[in-house]
Amino acid sequence: MAGDPVPALVWCPFPDEEAALAAIHQLLDERLIACGNVLGPMTCVFVWNGQKDAGRETGALLKTNSDLLDAAVNRLAEIHPYEEPAVVGWRCDAAAAGTAGWLAAIAGNA
């Protein structure tokens, strides 16, 4: 239906699995996401404050809907342990009908 929220995703790296899980649990409790996937350790190569560096991080992919996307991104940035976390979110162009319905129902939006 027109006007219904569409699926949305949020990507964010964390210093470790425990930090990623803590954020996922908090956003689930606040009904800003329906699911969070923690991805195993990965190597991150970056430039910060003019210096190139590398480190190990744990990624998280969060599933939500377009009505909650901005709130989820902003809240994640607030609770994240990094001073300036890389938090990005986007609206999905396509999803299976069941997935779209599940994500639309977050926080009673369906």
N, C-alpha and C. Protein backbone atom coordinates (compact mmCIF):
# COMPACT_ATOMS: atom_id res chain seq x y z
N MET A 1 0.83 -1.19 0.00
CA MET A 1 0.00 0.00 0.00
C MET A 1 0.87 1.25 0.00
N ALA A 2 0.41 2.26 -0.70
CA ALA A 2 1.14 3.53 -0.72
C ALA A 2 1.17 4.10 0.69
N GLY A 3 2.28 4.65 1.08
CA GLY A 3 2.41 5.26 2.39
C GLY A 3 2.88 4.31 3.48
N ASP A 4 2.82 3.00 3.23
CA ASP A 4 3.32 2.05 4.22
C ASP A 4 4.84 2.16 4.28
N PRO A 5 5.42 1.94 5.47
CA PRO A 5 6.88 1.98 5.54
C PRO A 5 7.49 0.85 4.71
N VAL A 6 8.64 1.13 4.14
CA VAL A 6 9.38 0.12 3.39
C VAL A 6 10.55 -0.37 4.25
N PRO A 7 11.08 -1.54 3.97
CA PRO A 7 12.22 -2.03 4.71
C PRO A 7 13.40 -1.07 4.61
N ALA A 8 14.19 -1.05 5.67
CA ALA A 8 15.39 -0.21 5.71
C ALA A 8 16.47 -0.98 6.47
N LEU A 9 17.72 -0.64 6.18
CA LEU A 9 18.87 -1.27 6.81
C LEU A 9 19.79 -0.22 7.40
N VAL A 10 20.50 -0.60 8.44
CA VAL A 10 21.52 0.25 9.06
C VAL A 10 22.78 -0.58 9.18
N TRP A 11 23.91 0.00 8.77
CA TRP A 11 25.21 -0.65 8.88
C TRP A 11 26.06 0.14 9.85
N CYS A 12 26.80 -0.58 10.70
CA CYS A 12 27.68 0.10 11.65
C CYS A 12 28.76 -0.86 12.14
N PRO A 13 30.01 -0.43 12.15
CA PRO A 13 31.07 -1.23 12.77
C PRO A 13 31.19 -0.90 14.26
N PHE A 14 31.63 -1.89 15.03
CA PHE A 14 31.82 -1.76 16.48
C PHE A 14 33.20 -2.25 16.86
N PRO A 15 33.68 -1.89 18.05
CA PRO A 15 35.00 -2.36 18.46
C PRO A 15 35.05 -3.86 18.72
N ASP A 16 33.90 -4.46 19.09
CA ASP A 16 33.87 -5.89 19.37
C ASP A 16 32.43 -6.39 19.38
N GLU A 17 32.28 -7.70 19.49
CA GLU A 17 30.95 -8.32 19.45
C GLU A 17 30.08 -7.87 20.62
N GLU A 18 30.67 -7.74 21.79
CA GLU A 18 29.90 -7.35 22.97
C GLU A 18 29.26 -5.97 22.78
N ALA A 19 29.99 -5.03 22.23
CA ALA A 19 29.45 -3.69 22.00
C ALA A 19 28.34 -3.73 20.95
N ALA A 20 28.53 -4.53 19.91
CA ALA A 20 27.49 -4.66 18.88
C ALA A 20 26.22 -5.26 19.47
N LEU A 21 26.36 -6.32 20.25
CA LEU A 21 25.20 -6.96 20.85
C LEU A 21 24.49 -6.03 21.83
N ALA A 22 25.23 -5.27 22.60
CA ALA A 22 24.62 -4.34 23.55
C ALA A 22 23.76 -3.31 22.81
N ALA A 23 24.28 -2.78 21.72
CA ALA A 23 23.52 -1.80 20.94
C ALA A 23 22.29 -2.44 20.30
N ILE A 24 22.44 -3.64 19.77
CA ILE A 24 21.30 -4.34 19.17
C ILE A 24 20.21 -4.56 20.20
N HIS A 25 20.58 -5.05 21.37
CA HIS A 25 19.58 -5.29 22.42
C HIS A 25 18.87 -4.00 22.82
N GLN A 26 19.61 -2.92 22.93
CA GLN A 26 18.99 -1.66 23.30
C GLN A 26 18.01 -1.18 22.23
N LEU A 27 18.41 -1.24 20.97
CA LEU A 27 17.52 -0.80 19.89
C LEU A 27 16.31 -1.72 19.74
N LEU A 28 16.48 -3.01 20.02
CA LEU A 28 15.33 -3.92 20.03
C LEU A 28 14.37 -3.54 21.15
N ASP A 29 14.92 -3.30 22.34
CA ASP A 29 14.08 -2.92 23.48
C ASP A 29 13.33 -1.62 23.23
N GLU A 30 13.96 -0.71 22.49
CA GLU A 30 13.33 0.58 22.18
C GLU A 30 12.44 0.51 20.95
N ARG A 31 12.32 -0.68 20.36
CA ARG A 31 11.47 -0.95 19.18
C ARG A 31 11.85 -0.09 17.98
N LEU A 32 13.15 0.15 17.82
CA LEU A 32 13.65 0.89 16.67
C LEU A 32 14.13 -0.04 15.55
N ILE A 33 14.37 -1.29 15.89
CA ILE A 33 14.77 -2.30 14.90
C ILE A 33 13.99 -3.59 15.19
N ALA A 34 13.95 -4.47 14.20
CA ALA A 34 13.33 -5.78 14.37
C ALA A 34 14.37 -6.88 14.52
N CYS A 35 15.60 -6.61 14.08
CA CYS A 35 16.63 -7.65 14.07
C CYS A 35 18.00 -7.00 13.90
N GLY A 36 19.00 -7.64 14.45
CA GLY A 36 20.37 -7.20 14.23
C GLY A 36 21.24 -8.42 13.99
N ASN A 37 22.08 -8.35 12.99
CA ASN A 37 23.03 -9.41 12.68
C ASN A 37 24.43 -8.92 13.02
N VAL A 38 25.16 -9.71 13.79
CA VAL A 38 26.55 -9.39 14.12
C VAL A 38 27.43 -10.18 13.17
N LEU A 39 28.29 -9.47 12.47
CA LEU A 39 29.20 -10.09 11.51
C LEU A 39 30.57 -10.21 12.14
N GLY A 40 31.23 -11.31 11.88
CA GLY A 40 32.51 -11.62 12.51
C GLY A 40 33.57 -10.55 12.35
N PRO A 41 34.63 -10.71 13.08
CA PRO A 41 35.70 -9.72 13.03
C PRO A 41 36.17 -9.46 11.60
N MET A 42 36.48 -8.21 11.35
CA MET A 42 36.94 -7.80 10.02
C MET A 42 38.06 -6.78 10.20
N THR A 43 38.87 -6.66 9.19
CA THR A 43 39.92 -5.67 9.20
C THR A 43 39.39 -4.37 8.63
N CYS A 44 39.66 -3.28 9.31
CA CYS A 44 39.24 -1.96 8.88
C CYS A 44 40.49 -1.12 8.60
N VAL A 45 40.56 -0.55 7.40
CA VAL A 45 41.66 0.36 7.04
C VAL A 45 41.02 1.71 6.78
N PHE A 46 41.51 2.75 7.44
CA PHE A 46 40.82 4.03 7.41
C PHE A 46 41.78 5.21 7.59
N VAL A 47 41.26 6.39 7.30
CA VAL A 47 41.96 7.63 7.59
C VAL A 47 41.13 8.36 8.63
N TRP A 48 41.75 8.73 9.76
CA TRP A 48 41.08 9.47 10.83
C TRP A 48 42.04 10.53 11.33
N ASN A 49 41.56 11.76 11.40
CA ASN A 49 42.38 12.89 11.82
C ASN A 49 43.66 13.00 11.00
N GLY A 50 43.53 12.74 9.70
CA GLY A 50 44.66 12.88 8.80
C GLY A 50 45.66 11.75 8.82
N GLN A 51 45.41 10.71 9.59
CA GLN A 51 46.34 9.59 9.71
C GLN A 51 45.70 8.30 9.21
N LYS A 52 46.45 7.56 8.40
CA LYS A 52 45.98 6.25 7.96
C LYS A 52 46.27 5.25 9.06
N ASP A 53 45.31 4.36 9.31
CA ASP A 53 45.45 3.37 10.37
C ASP A 53 44.68 2.12 9.97
N ALA A 54 44.78 1.10 10.77
CA ALA A 54 44.04 -0.14 10.56
C ALA A 54 43.72 -0.74 11.91
N GLY A 55 42.68 -1.54 11.95
CA GLY A 55 42.30 -2.19 13.19
C GLY A 55 41.31 -3.30 12.91
N ARG A 56 40.86 -3.95 13.97
CA ARG A 56 39.86 -5.00 13.88
C ARG A 56 38.55 -4.46 14.42
N GLU A 57 37.47 -4.77 13.74
CA GLU A 57 36.14 -4.36 14.16
C GLU A 57 35.16 -5.51 13.93
N THR A 58 33.97 -5.35 14.50
CA THR A 58 32.87 -6.28 14.30
C THR A 58 31.73 -5.49 13.69
N GLY A 59 31.16 -5.98 12.62
CA GLY A 59 30.09 -5.26 11.94
C GLY A 59 28.72 -5.67 12.45
N ALA A 60 27.77 -4.76 12.29
CA ALA A 60 26.37 -5.06 12.60
C ALA A 60 25.49 -4.53 11.48
N LEU A 61 24.57 -5.37 11.05
CA LEU A 61 23.57 -4.99 10.06
C LEU A 61 22.22 -5.08 10.76
N LEU A 62 21.51 -3.96 10.81
CA LEU A 62 20.26 -3.86 11.55
C LEU A 62 19.11 -3.71 10.57
N LYS A 63 18.01 -4.41 10.86
CA LYS A 63 16.82 -4.37 10.00
C LYS A 63 15.73 -3.55 10.68
N THR A 64 15.17 -2.59 9.95
CA THR A 64 14.11 -1.74 10.48
C THR A 64 13.19 -1.37 9.33
N ASN A 65 12.43 -0.29 9.49
CA ASN A 65 11.60 0.19 8.39
C ASN A 65 11.83 1.68 8.19
N SER A 66 11.37 2.19 7.06
CA SER A 66 11.66 3.57 6.68
C SER A 66 11.12 4.59 7.66
N ASP A 67 10.01 4.28 8.34
CA ASP A 67 9.47 5.22 9.33
C ASP A 67 10.39 5.39 10.53
N LEU A 68 11.18 4.35 10.84
CA LEU A 68 12.04 4.37 12.01
C LEU A 68 13.51 4.57 11.68
N LEU A 69 13.84 4.65 10.40
CA LEU A 69 15.25 4.68 9.98
C LEU A 69 16.02 5.83 10.62
N ASP A 70 15.53 7.04 10.50
CA ASP A 70 16.27 8.19 11.04
C ASP A 70 16.43 8.08 12.56
N ALA A 71 15.38 7.66 13.25
CA ALA A 71 15.45 7.50 14.71
C ALA A 71 16.45 6.42 15.09
N ALA A 72 16.47 5.31 14.34
CA ALA A 72 17.40 4.22 14.63
C ALA A 72 18.85 4.67 14.41
N VAL A 73 19.10 5.36 13.31
CA VAL A 73 20.46 5.85 13.02
C VAL A 73 20.91 6.83 14.09
N ASN A 74 20.05 7.78 14.44
CA ASN A 74 20.42 8.79 15.45
C ASN A 74 20.63 8.16 16.82
N ARG A 75 19.77 7.23 17.20
CA ARG A 75 19.91 6.59 18.51
C ARG A 75 21.17 5.74 18.56
N LEU A 76 21.46 5.03 17.49
CA LEU A 76 22.68 4.22 17.45
C LEU A 76 23.91 5.11 17.59
N ALA A 77 23.91 6.25 16.93
CA ALA A 77 25.05 7.17 17.06
C ALA A 77 25.19 7.67 18.51
N GLU A 78 24.08 7.84 19.21
CA GLU A 78 24.12 8.29 20.62
C GLU A 78 24.70 7.24 21.56
N ILE A 79 24.33 5.98 21.36
CA ILE A 79 24.72 4.94 22.31
C ILE A 79 26.01 4.21 21.93
N HIS A 80 26.53 4.49 20.75
CA HIS A 80 27.72 3.80 20.25
C HIS A 80 28.94 4.17 21.10
N PRO A 81 29.85 3.21 21.35
CA PRO A 81 31.02 3.51 22.17
C PRO A 81 32.07 4.41 21.49
N TYR A 82 32.06 4.50 20.16
CA TYR A 82 33.03 5.38 19.49
C TYR A 82 32.60 6.84 19.62
N GLU A 83 33.58 7.73 19.64
CA GLU A 83 33.30 9.16 19.68
C GLU A 83 32.54 9.61 18.44
N GLU A 84 32.96 9.13 17.27
CA GLU A 84 32.30 9.45 16.00
C GLU A 84 32.08 8.15 15.22
N PRO A 85 31.03 7.42 15.54
CA PRO A 85 30.81 6.14 14.85
C PRO A 85 30.37 6.34 13.41
N ALA A 86 30.71 5.37 12.58
CA ALA A 86 30.24 5.34 11.20
C ALA A 86 28.92 4.60 11.19
N VAL A 87 27.83 5.35 11.09
CA VAL A 87 26.49 4.77 11.08
C VAL A 87 25.82 5.23 9.79
N VAL A 88 25.44 4.27 8.95
CA VAL A 88 24.76 4.63 7.70
C VAL A 88 23.49 3.79 7.57
N GLY A 89 22.45 4.41 7.02
CA GLY A 89 21.20 3.71 6.82
C GLY A 89 20.63 4.01 5.45
N TRP A 90 19.83 3.08 4.94
CA TRP A 90 19.22 3.29 3.63
C TRP A 90 17.90 2.54 3.54
N ARG A 91 17.04 3.06 2.69
CA ARG A 91 15.76 2.43 2.40
C ARG A 91 15.97 1.40 1.30
N CYS A 92 15.31 0.26 1.41
CA CYS A 92 15.49 -0.84 0.47
C CYS A 92 14.56 -0.70 -0.73
N ASP A 93 15.06 -1.02 -1.89
CA ASP A 93 14.27 -0.99 -3.12
C ASP A 93 13.36 -2.20 -3.26
N ALA A 94 13.72 -3.31 -2.64
CA ALA A 94 12.94 -4.53 -2.80
C ALA A 94 13.11 -5.40 -1.57
N ALA A 95 12.04 -6.16 -1.27
CA ALA A 95 12.08 -7.14 -0.18
C ALA A 95 10.98 -8.16 -0.42
N ALA A 96 11.18 -9.35 0.09
CA ALA A 96 10.13 -10.37 0.03
C ALA A 96 8.93 -9.84 0.82
N ALA A 97 7.73 -10.22 0.39
CA ALA A 97 6.50 -9.71 1.01
C ALA A 97 6.48 -9.96 2.52
N GLY A 98 6.88 -11.15 2.95
CA GLY A 98 6.89 -11.46 4.37
C GLY A 98 7.86 -10.60 5.15
N THR A 99 9.03 -10.37 4.57
CA THR A 99 10.02 -9.51 5.22
C THR A 99 9.50 -8.09 5.33
N ALA A 100 8.94 -7.57 4.25
CA ALA A 100 8.40 -6.20 4.26
C ALA A 100 7.30 -6.05 5.31
N GLY A 101 6.42 -7.05 5.41
CA GLY A 101 5.36 -6.99 6.41
C GLY A 101 5.88 -7.05 7.83
N TRP A 102 6.86 -7.91 8.06
CA TRP A 102 7.47 -8.04 9.38
C TRP A 102 8.11 -6.74 9.81
N LEU A 103 8.88 -6.12 8.91
CA LEU A 103 9.57 -4.88 9.24
C LEU A 103 8.59 -3.71 9.35
N ALA A 104 7.52 -3.72 8.59
CA ALA A 104 6.52 -2.66 8.69
C ALA A 104 5.83 -2.69 10.04
N ALA A 105 5.79 -3.86 10.69
CA ALA A 105 5.06 -4.02 11.95
C ALA A 105 5.84 -3.54 13.17
N ILE A 106 7.10 -3.16 13.02
CA ILE A 106 7.89 -2.70 14.16
C ILE A 106 7.17 -1.52 14.80
N ALA A 107 7.12 -1.53 16.12
CA ALA A 107 6.52 -0.43 16.89
C ALA A 107 5.06 -0.20 16.52
N GLY A 108 4.38 -1.26 16.07
CA GLY A 108 2.97 -1.15 15.79
C GLY A 108 2.61 -0.35 14.55
N ASN A 109 3.54 -0.28 13.58
CA ASN A 109 3.28 0.50 12.38
C ASN A 109 2.44 -0.23 11.35
N ALA A 110 2.14 -1.51 11.56
CA ALA A 110 1.35 -2.23 10.56
C ALA A 110 -0.09 -2.37 11.02
